[in-house]
């Protein structure tokens, strides 16, 4: 068992820094490990080598990754720096007089690092080692004192303005999206929500994008799906006294600096379904694809209707319009050619047009993009995007569109 104080000691941090400087792409050689073993124990050497690899992996998510400390699972689960900054700014926007934020189930401190930019913070996690890492990570950017408490979050007395909660979705070793299987459990989360407007100003609950919230929450909160690095990373349930009468559902793209690249929102009670969006009967000239966050938030039909788009294939989230326009929350492609979904015909088209760089997008067919690529074997010098749209629940033949990203 590693000593928590050793983990963040000057000796350990110096060893990690020196090893990082002499390692290529985060890879640590056997020779380097042997040199570590001259000074450190086996467990300590493995920890130092692991930090070098994890810092390399974290570089795209944290500007100061080369100073941070991680665990493998902690890095997988933690919030990107940009989204953490976005959340901190969101709290400032909703309650400018906020002084203190408590981060329950803080993990390695990704969110805590963002909150510490503007508030006094306390992180709570049952794992004392994670608390040590979180305290180190959260103090890096601004040098403010950060308090962490190694304890069961359900047993901590809260004296705070805001709570951020990241419930454990893998406490039993399996990944869950059912909120009934999270830890802490739903009764505890409901208890926290009941304190909003009383002992605290608000709560942010971090959820997986696919998590279905309880019906009782719908009339109490706003929901945001946050996207970064072109993927939807998390769902955020936001509770304040104001959300009781303002039930928005939003998709938000967050930049690495924590700013909003674009946002699309709708009232919970005014969401459209696929039945509300017509099917295009004219030749497809432009294809519009909603972003991952718009899709995860089930906002695609509402988004399409707002921009006067139509389905290109029944029930499949690709849309069309006869003209090109900039549509926040989605990408636009100009259709070059269209074929029935027949891999032999598609392969012939790719060969005739000397296609080598092939981006593949598909919905409504069984094959994965990787499986499609293996059968098409593009080897040319030109590039194209292949968009396949089908629906196994209808008798309409799937279609393949060759398109240019605008």
Protein backbone atom coordinates (compact mmCIF):
# COMPACT_ATOMS: atom_id res chain seq x y z
CA UNK A 1 0.00 0.00 0.00
CA UNK A 2 1.42 3.35 -1.03
CA UNK A 3 1.70 6.04 1.58
CA UNK A 4 -0.52 8.98 0.63
CA UNK A 5 2.02 11.57 1.72
CA UNK A 6 4.72 9.87 -0.37
CA UNK A 7 2.49 10.07 -3.47
CA UNK A 8 2.57 13.88 -3.48
CA UNK A 9 6.03 14.30 -1.95
CA UNK A 10 8.71 16.39 -3.65
CA UNK A 11 10.81 13.26 -4.20
CA UNK A 12 7.98 11.47 -6.03
CA UNK A 13 7.01 14.46 -8.16
CA UNK A 14 10.65 15.04 -9.11
CA UNK A 15 11.06 11.38 -10.11
CA UNK A 16 7.94 11.52 -12.29
CA UNK A 17 9.14 14.72 -13.94
CA UNK A 18 12.60 13.33 -14.73
CA UNK A 19 11.19 10.10 -16.12
CA UNK A 20 8.69 11.99 -18.26
CA UNK A 21 11.49 14.08 -19.75
CA UNK A 22 13.40 10.98 -20.90
CA UNK A 23 10.43 8.85 -22.02
CA UNK A 24 9.07 8.81 -25.56
CA UNK A 25 5.30 9.15 -25.89
CA UNK A 26 4.81 8.08 -22.29
CA UNK A 27 6.51 4.71 -22.77
CA UNK A 28 8.82 3.59 -19.98
CA UNK A 29 11.56 1.11 -20.86
CA UNK A 30 12.69 -1.87 -18.80
CA UNK A 31 16.03 -0.13 -18.29
CA UNK A 32 14.30 2.94 -16.86
CA UNK A 33 12.27 0.77 -14.51
CA UNK A 34 15.44 -0.91 -13.25
CA UNK A 35 16.92 2.47 -12.47
CA UNK A 36 13.81 3.38 -10.49
CA UNK A 37 14.13 0.16 -8.51
CA UNK A 38 17.53 1.32 -7.26
CA UNK A 39 15.73 4.00 -5.25
CA UNK A 40 12.09 2.98 -4.91
CA UNK A 41 10.11 -0.14 -4.06
CA UNK A 42 8.37 -2.20 -6.75
CA UNK A 43 5.01 -0.59 -5.98
CA UNK A 44 6.48 2.91 -5.91
CA UNK A 45 8.33 2.35 -9.20
CA UNK A 46 5.14 1.12 -10.85
CA UNK A 47 3.26 4.18 -9.61
CA UNK A 48 5.89 6.56 -11.03
CA UNK A 49 5.98 4.78 -14.40
CA UNK A 50 2.19 4.72 -14.54
CA UNK A 51 2.04 8.50 -13.97
CA UNK A 52 4.27 9.06 -17.00
CA UNK A 53 1.88 7.09 -19.22
CA UNK A 54 -1.25 8.65 -17.76
CA UNK A 55 0.08 12.19 -18.11
CA UNK A 56 0.70 11.49 -21.78
CA UNK A 57 -2.88 10.21 -22.20
CA UNK A 58 -4.32 13.19 -20.31
CA UNK A 59 -2.58 15.83 -22.41
CA UNK A 60 -5.59 16.52 -24.62
CA UNK A 61 -7.89 16.90 -21.63
CA UNK A 62 -5.81 18.98 -19.22
CA UNK A 63 -3.43 21.85 -20.12
CA UNK A 64 -1.45 21.12 -16.96
CA UNK A 65 -1.47 17.32 -17.31
CA UNK A 66 2.33 17.20 -16.94
CA UNK A 67 1.93 18.31 -13.32
CA UNK A 68 -1.14 16.29 -12.36
CA UNK A 69 -1.44 12.87 -10.73
CA UNK A 70 -3.86 10.18 -11.88
CA UNK A 71 -5.14 6.66 -11.53
CA UNK A 72 -6.21 4.74 -14.65
CA UNK A 73 -9.85 4.58 -13.62
CA UNK A 74 -9.77 8.11 -12.24
CA UNK A 75 -8.59 9.50 -15.58
CA UNK A 76 -11.34 7.59 -17.42
CA UNK A 77 -14.04 9.00 -15.14
CA UNK A 78 -12.84 12.53 -14.49
CA UNK A 79 -14.21 15.67 -16.12
CA UNK A 80 -12.15 17.44 -18.79
CA UNK A 81 -10.63 20.77 -17.75
CA UNK A 82 -12.83 22.68 -20.22
CA UNK A 83 -16.08 21.22 -18.91
CA UNK A 84 -14.99 21.74 -15.29
CA UNK A 85 -14.36 25.42 -16.06
CA UNK A 86 -17.74 25.63 -17.81
CA UNK A 87 -19.47 24.24 -14.70
CA UNK A 88 -17.70 26.72 -12.44
CA UNK A 89 -18.78 29.60 -14.67
CA UNK A 90 -22.32 28.19 -14.74
CA UNK A 91 -22.50 28.37 -10.94
CA UNK A 92 -21.18 31.95 -11.02
CA UNK A 93 -23.85 32.86 -13.58
CA UNK A 94 -26.67 31.31 -11.57
CA UNK A 95 -25.56 32.52 -8.14
CA UNK A 96 -22.91 35.22 -8.26
CA UNK A 97 -22.66 35.36 -4.45
CA UNK A 98 -21.54 31.72 -4.18
CA UNK A 99 -18.54 31.37 -1.88
CA UNK A 100 -18.10 27.65 -1.32
CA UNK A 101 -18.64 24.51 -3.42
CA UNK A 102 -18.49 20.93 -2.16
CA UNK A 103 -17.65 18.21 -4.68
CA UNK A 104 -19.03 14.85 -3.53
CA UNK A 105 -17.34 11.76 -5.00
CA UNK A 106 -14.57 14.07 -6.22
CA UNK A 107 -12.31 11.33 -7.61
CA UNK A 108 -8.95 12.69 -8.78
CA UNK A 109 -10.30 16.24 -8.74
CA UNK A 110 -11.06 17.17 -12.35
CA UNK A 111 -14.17 19.14 -11.39
CA UNK A 112 -12.56 20.32 -8.16
CA UNK A 113 -9.76 21.90 -10.18
CA UNK A 114 -12.31 23.92 -12.15
CA UNK A 115 -14.27 25.01 -9.08
CA UNK A 116 -11.12 26.11 -7.25
CA UNK A 117 -10.62 28.86 -9.84
CA UNK A 118 -13.46 30.87 -8.30
CA UNK A 119 -14.57 29.33 -5.01
CA UNK A 120 -13.40 27.88 -1.76
CA UNK A 121 -13.83 24.14 -2.27
CA UNK A 122 -14.08 20.88 -0.40
CA UNK A 123 -13.74 17.49 -2.06
CA UNK A 124 -15.16 14.34 -0.52
CA UNK A 125 -14.37 10.78 -1.57
CA UNK A 126 -14.35 7.47 0.25
CA UNK A 127 -10.90 6.64 -1.19
CA UNK A 128 -8.21 8.46 0.80
CA UNK A 129 -5.69 8.12 -2.03
CA UNK A 130 -8.07 9.82 -4.46
CA UNK A 131 -8.51 12.62 -1.93
CA UNK A 132 -4.75 13.08 -1.85
CA UNK A 133 -4.56 13.23 -5.65
CA UNK A 134 -7.55 15.58 -5.85
CA UNK A 135 -6.02 17.98 -3.35
CA UNK A 136 -2.76 18.01 -5.33
CA UNK A 137 -4.50 18.49 -8.71
CA UNK A 138 -6.89 21.17 -7.51
CA UNK A 139 -4.15 23.37 -6.05
CA UNK A 140 -1.92 23.37 -9.14
CA UNK A 141 -3.48 26.18 -11.15
CA UNK A 142 -4.18 28.81 -8.51
CA UNK A 143 -2.33 27.63 -5.42
CA UNK A 144 -5.41 28.03 -3.24
CA UNK A 145 -5.82 25.81 -0.21
CA UNK A 146 -8.11 22.89 -1.05
CA UNK A 147 -9.74 20.76 1.61
CA UNK A 148 -10.49 17.08 0.95
CA UNK A 149 -12.25 14.66 3.26
CA UNK A 150 -11.81 10.87 2.94
CA UNK A 151 -15.27 9.73 3.99
CA UNK A 152 -18.59 8.25 2.90
CA UNK A 153 -20.34 11.20 1.24
CA UNK A 154 -23.64 10.26 2.88
CA UNK A 155 -22.12 10.79 6.33
CA UNK A 156 -20.55 14.23 5.81
CA UNK A 157 -22.18 17.30 7.34
CA UNK A 158 -22.58 19.82 4.54
CA UNK A 159 -21.98 23.53 5.16
CA UNK A 160 -21.77 24.87 1.63
CA UNK A 161 -23.44 27.05 -1.00
CA UNK A 162 -23.40 24.53 -3.83
CA UNK A 163 -22.97 20.77 -4.18
CA UNK A 164 -21.56 18.99 -7.19
CA UNK A 165 -22.19 15.24 -7.10
CA UNK A 166 -20.62 12.64 -9.37
CA UNK A 167 -22.31 9.41 -8.23
CA UNK A 168 -20.35 6.22 -8.75
CA UNK A 169 -21.74 4.24 -11.68
CA UNK A 170 -19.28 1.33 -11.25
CA UNK A 171 -19.30 0.71 -7.52
CA UNK A 172 -19.95 -3.01 -8.07
CA UNK A 173 -17.48 -3.35 -10.95
CA UNK A 174 -20.13 -2.94 -13.68
CA UNK A 175 -21.03 0.23 -15.56
CA UNK A 176 -24.62 1.35 -14.93
CA UNK A 177 -26.86 3.93 -16.59
CA UNK A 178 -29.85 3.15 -14.34
CA UNK A 179 -29.84 5.80 -11.63
CA UNK A 180 -31.32 3.27 -9.20
CA UNK A 181 -27.96 1.44 -9.29
CA UNK A 182 -25.74 4.44 -8.48
CA UNK A 183 -23.89 5.11 -5.26
CA UNK A 184 -24.81 7.15 -3.31
CA UNK A 185 -28.35 5.96 -3.88
CA UNK A 186 -31.40 7.81 -5.15
CA UNK A 187 -32.89 8.56 -1.67
CA UNK A 188 -29.69 10.38 -0.74
CA UNK A 189 -29.72 12.36 -3.99
CA UNK A 190 -33.37 13.28 -3.37
CA UNK A 191 -32.42 14.39 0.14
CA UNK A 192 -29.81 16.75 -1.30
CA UNK A 193 -32.26 18.10 -3.87
CA UNK A 194 -34.73 18.90 -1.08
CA UNK A 195 -32.12 21.23 0.48
CA UNK A 196 -32.00 23.49 -2.58
CA UNK A 197 -33.34 26.92 -1.68
CA UNK A 198 -33.02 26.07 2.00
CA UNK A 199 -29.53 25.23 3.22
CA UNK A 200 -27.86 25.56 -0.21
CA UNK A 201 -28.23 27.54 -3.43
CA UNK A 202 -28.07 24.67 -5.90
CA UNK A 203 -26.88 21.24 -6.95
CA UNK A 204 -25.20 19.93 -10.07
CA UNK A 205 -25.44 16.16 -10.57
CA UNK A 206 -23.10 14.65 -13.16
CA UNK A 207 -24.65 11.72 -15.03
CA UNK A 208 -23.81 9.50 -17.97
CA UNK A 209 -25.32 10.84 -21.23
CA UNK A 210 -27.73 7.88 -21.48
CA UNK A 211 -29.01 8.08 -17.89
CA UNK A 212 -32.78 8.40 -17.56
CA UNK A 213 -33.64 10.74 -14.69
CA UNK A 214 -36.52 9.92 -12.34
CA UNK A 215 -39.92 11.35 -13.29
CA UNK A 216 -39.95 13.30 -10.02
CA UNK A 217 -36.90 15.29 -11.17
CA UNK A 218 -38.37 16.49 -14.46
CA UNK A 219 -40.31 19.37 -12.91
CA UNK A 220 -37.43 20.40 -10.66
CA UNK A 221 -34.38 20.65 -12.88
CA UNK A 222 -32.77 21.68 -16.11
CA UNK A 223 -30.82 19.11 -18.09
CA UNK A 224 -27.71 19.79 -20.11
CA UNK A 225 -25.73 17.41 -22.30
CA UNK A 226 -22.13 18.60 -22.52
CA UNK A 227 -19.96 17.88 -25.53
CA UNK A 228 -16.20 18.28 -25.89
CA UNK A 229 -13.65 16.85 -28.32
CA UNK A 230 -16.56 15.96 -30.64
CA UNK A 231 -18.18 13.56 -28.17
CA UNK A 232 -20.98 13.93 -25.65
CA UNK A 233 -19.19 13.51 -22.33
CA UNK A 234 -21.83 13.89 -19.65
CA UNK A 235 -25.35 14.85 -18.73
CA UNK A 236 -25.81 17.50 -16.09
CA UNK A 237 -28.90 17.76 -13.89
CA UNK A 238 -29.12 21.29 -12.54
CA UNK A 239 -31.26 22.15 -9.53
CA UNK A 240 -31.79 25.71 -8.29
CA UNK A 241 -34.88 27.54 -6.98
CA UNK A 242 -35.29 28.95 -10.49
CA UNK A 243 -35.41 25.59 -12.29
CA UNK A 244 -38.74 24.69 -10.68
CA UNK A 245 -40.42 26.96 -13.25
CA UNK A 246 -37.85 26.73 -16.05
CA UNK A 247 -37.49 23.20 -17.37
CA UNK A 248 -34.97 23.56 -20.17
CA UNK A 249 -33.19 20.73 -21.99
CA UNK A 250 -29.93 21.82 -23.63
CA UNK A 251 -27.09 20.49 -25.75
CA UNK A 252 -23.87 22.45 -25.27
CA UNK A 253 -20.49 22.23 -26.97
CA UNK A 254 -17.70 23.29 -24.62
CA UNK A 255 -14.32 24.54 -25.81
CA UNK A 256 -11.02 23.51 -24.14
CA UNK A 257 -11.03 26.88 -22.37
CA UNK A 258 -14.50 26.27 -20.91
CA UNK A 259 -16.46 28.59 -23.18
CA UNK A 260 -19.64 27.73 -25.07
CA UNK A 261 -18.96 27.00 -28.75
CA UNK A 262 -22.69 26.65 -29.41
CA UNK A 263 -25.83 25.71 -27.51
CA UNK A 264 -29.26 24.46 -28.49
CA UNK A 265 -32.12 24.33 -26.02
CA UNK A 266 -35.83 23.68 -25.81
CA UNK A 267 -38.49 23.56 -23.12
CA UNK A 268 -39.06 20.07 -21.74
CA UNK A 269 -42.76 20.27 -22.52
CA UNK A 270 -42.27 21.38 -26.13
CA UNK A 271 -39.95 18.64 -27.42
CA UNK A 272 -40.79 17.21 -30.83
CA UNK A 273 -40.60 13.57 -31.88
CA UNK A 274 -39.60 11.94 -35.16
CA UNK A 275 -43.27 11.95 -36.18
CA UNK A 276 -43.21 15.75 -36.20
CA UNK A 277 -40.48 15.96 -38.86
CA UNK A 278 -41.48 15.23 -42.49
CA UNK A 279 -39.62 12.92 -44.86
CA UNK A 280 -37.94 14.58 -47.82
CA UNK A 281 -39.34 13.52 -51.19
CA UNK A 282 -36.90 15.53 -53.31
CA UNK A 283 -33.35 14.58 -54.31
CA UNK A 284 -30.96 15.03 -51.41
CA UNK A 285 -28.56 17.90 -52.10
CA UNK A 286 -27.31 18.64 -48.59
CA UNK A 287 -27.19 16.38 -45.54
CA UNK A 288 -27.31 17.78 -42.02
CA UNK A 289 -26.04 15.66 -39.15
CA UNK A 290 -26.89 16.65 -35.55
CA UNK A 291 -24.01 16.70 -33.10
CA UNK A 292 -23.49 13.95 -30.46
CA UNK A 293 -24.88 16.17 -27.69
CA UNK A 294 -28.03 17.03 -29.66
CA UNK A 295 -28.58 13.31 -30.29
CA UNK A 296 -27.90 12.30 -26.68
CA UNK A 297 -30.36 14.93 -25.44
CA UNK A 298 -33.09 13.59 -27.77
CA UNK A 299 -33.25 17.04 -29.31
CA UNK A 300 -32.64 15.99 -32.93
CA UNK A 301 -36.28 16.32 -34.16
CA UNK A 302 -36.67 19.69 -32.40
CA UNK A 303 -33.32 20.86 -33.81
CA UNK A 304 -34.29 19.74 -37.32
CA UNK A 305 -37.68 21.44 -37.22
CA UNK A 306 -36.19 24.71 -36.01
CA UNK A 307 -33.86 24.76 -39.02
CA UNK A 308 -36.55 23.62 -41.48
CA UNK A 309 -34.86 20.26 -42.17
CA UNK A 310 -36.44 16.99 -43.28
CA UNK A 311 -35.51 13.35 -42.79
CA UNK A 312 -33.62 11.71 -45.65
CA UNK A 313 -34.73 8.30 -44.39
CA UNK A 314 -37.59 7.59 -41.99
CA UNK A 315 -36.60 7.78 -38.34
CA UNK A 316 -32.83 8.03 -38.99
CA UNK A 317 -31.16 11.17 -37.68
CA UNK A 318 -29.80 12.48 -40.95
CA UNK A 319 -31.67 15.45 -42.37
CA UNK A 320 -31.70 17.40 -45.61
CA UNK A 321 -32.45 20.76 -47.16
CA UNK A 322 -32.12 22.08 -50.70
CA UNK A 323 -29.75 24.82 -49.61
CA UNK A 324 -26.61 25.15 -47.53
CA UNK A 325 -26.67 27.05 -44.27
CA UNK A 326 -24.60 27.19 -41.11
CA UNK A 327 -26.46 25.23 -38.44
CA UNK A 328 -25.08 25.41 -34.87
CA UNK A 329 -25.16 22.00 -33.28
CA UNK A 330 -24.59 20.03 -36.45
CA UNK A 331 -22.49 19.43 -39.55
CA UNK A 332 -23.44 19.97 -43.19
CA UNK A 333 -22.37 17.86 -46.17
CA UNK A 334 -22.86 18.52 -49.87
CA UNK A 335 -24.01 15.37 -51.67
CA UNK A 336 -21.83 14.42 -54.65
CA UNK A 337 -23.59 11.21 -55.62
CA UNK A 338 -26.15 8.73 -54.30
CA UNK A 339 -26.42 4.93 -54.66
CA UNK A 340 -28.52 2.17 -53.15
CA UNK A 341 -26.69 0.60 -50.23
CA UNK A 342 -24.85 -2.12 -52.15
CA UNK A 343 -21.24 -2.70 -51.13
CA UNK A 344 -20.21 -3.93 -54.58
CA UNK A 345 -21.57 -0.80 -56.26
CA UNK A 346 -20.07 1.41 -53.57
CA UNK A 347 -16.68 -0.29 -53.92
CA UNK A 348 -16.79 0.25 -57.70
CA UNK A 349 -17.64 3.95 -57.23
CA UNK A 350 -14.73 4.37 -54.80
CA UNK A 351 -12.33 2.71 -57.22
CA UNK A 352 -13.51 4.80 -60.18
CA UNK A 353 -13.10 8.03 -58.22
CA UNK A 354 -9.67 7.09 -56.80
CA UNK A 355 -10.82 7.35 -53.16
CA UNK A 356 -8.27 6.56 -50.48
CA UNK A 357 -9.27 8.73 -47.54
CA UNK A 358 -12.77 7.60 -46.60
CA UNK A 359 -14.78 8.91 -43.66
CA UNK A 360 -17.67 6.53 -42.96
CA UNK A 361 -20.87 7.51 -41.16
CA UNK A 362 -23.80 5.17 -40.84
CA UNK A 363 -27.14 4.69 -39.12
CA UNK A 364 -29.65 1.90 -39.46
CA UNK A 365 -27.38 -0.86 -40.81
CA UNK A 366 -25.76 -3.70 -38.89
CA UNK A 367 -22.16 -3.30 -40.06
CA UNK A 368 -19.82 -1.02 -38.16
CA UNK A 369 -17.81 1.64 -40.04
CA UNK A 370 -14.71 -0.53 -39.55
CA UNK A 371 -16.43 -3.54 -41.12
CA UNK A 372 -17.64 -1.43 -44.04
CA UNK A 373 -14.12 -0.06 -44.60
CA UNK A 374 -12.61 -3.57 -44.71
CA UNK A 375 -15.02 -4.53 -47.49
CA UNK A 376 -14.52 -1.34 -49.47
CA UNK A 377 -10.69 -1.28 -49.30
CA UNK A 378 -10.12 2.35 -50.41
CA UNK A 379 -6.61 2.79 -51.89
CA UNK A 380 -6.70 5.98 -53.98
CA UNK A 381 -5.52 9.55 -53.44
CA UNK A 382 -8.83 11.42 -53.16
CA UNK A 383 -11.08 11.83 -50.13
CA UNK A 384 -14.83 11.61 -49.56
CA UNK A 385 -17.38 11.03 -46.80
CA UNK A 386 -19.68 8.03 -47.13
CA UNK A 387 -23.02 8.44 -45.32
CA UNK A 388 -25.24 5.37 -45.11
CA UNK A 389 -28.83 5.80 -43.93
CA UNK A 390 -31.21 2.92 -43.39
CA UNK A 391 -33.91 1.73 -41.06
CA UNK A 392 -34.36 -2.02 -40.45
CA UNK A 393 -37.90 -1.36 -39.23
CA UNK A 394 -39.07 -0.09 -42.61
CA UNK A 395 -39.11 -1.62 -46.08
CA UNK A 396 -37.35 1.37 -47.61
CA UNK A 397 -33.94 0.41 -49.01
CA UNK A 398 -30.92 1.90 -47.27
CA UNK A 399 -29.12 4.57 -49.28
CA UNK A 400 -25.46 5.52 -49.59
CA UNK A 401 -24.45 9.14 -50.11
CA UNK A 402 -21.01 10.33 -51.18
CA UNK A 403 -20.57 13.79 -49.73
CA UNK A 404 -18.15 16.62 -48.98
CA UNK A 405 -17.98 18.13 -45.51
CA UNK A 406 -18.69 21.89 -45.70
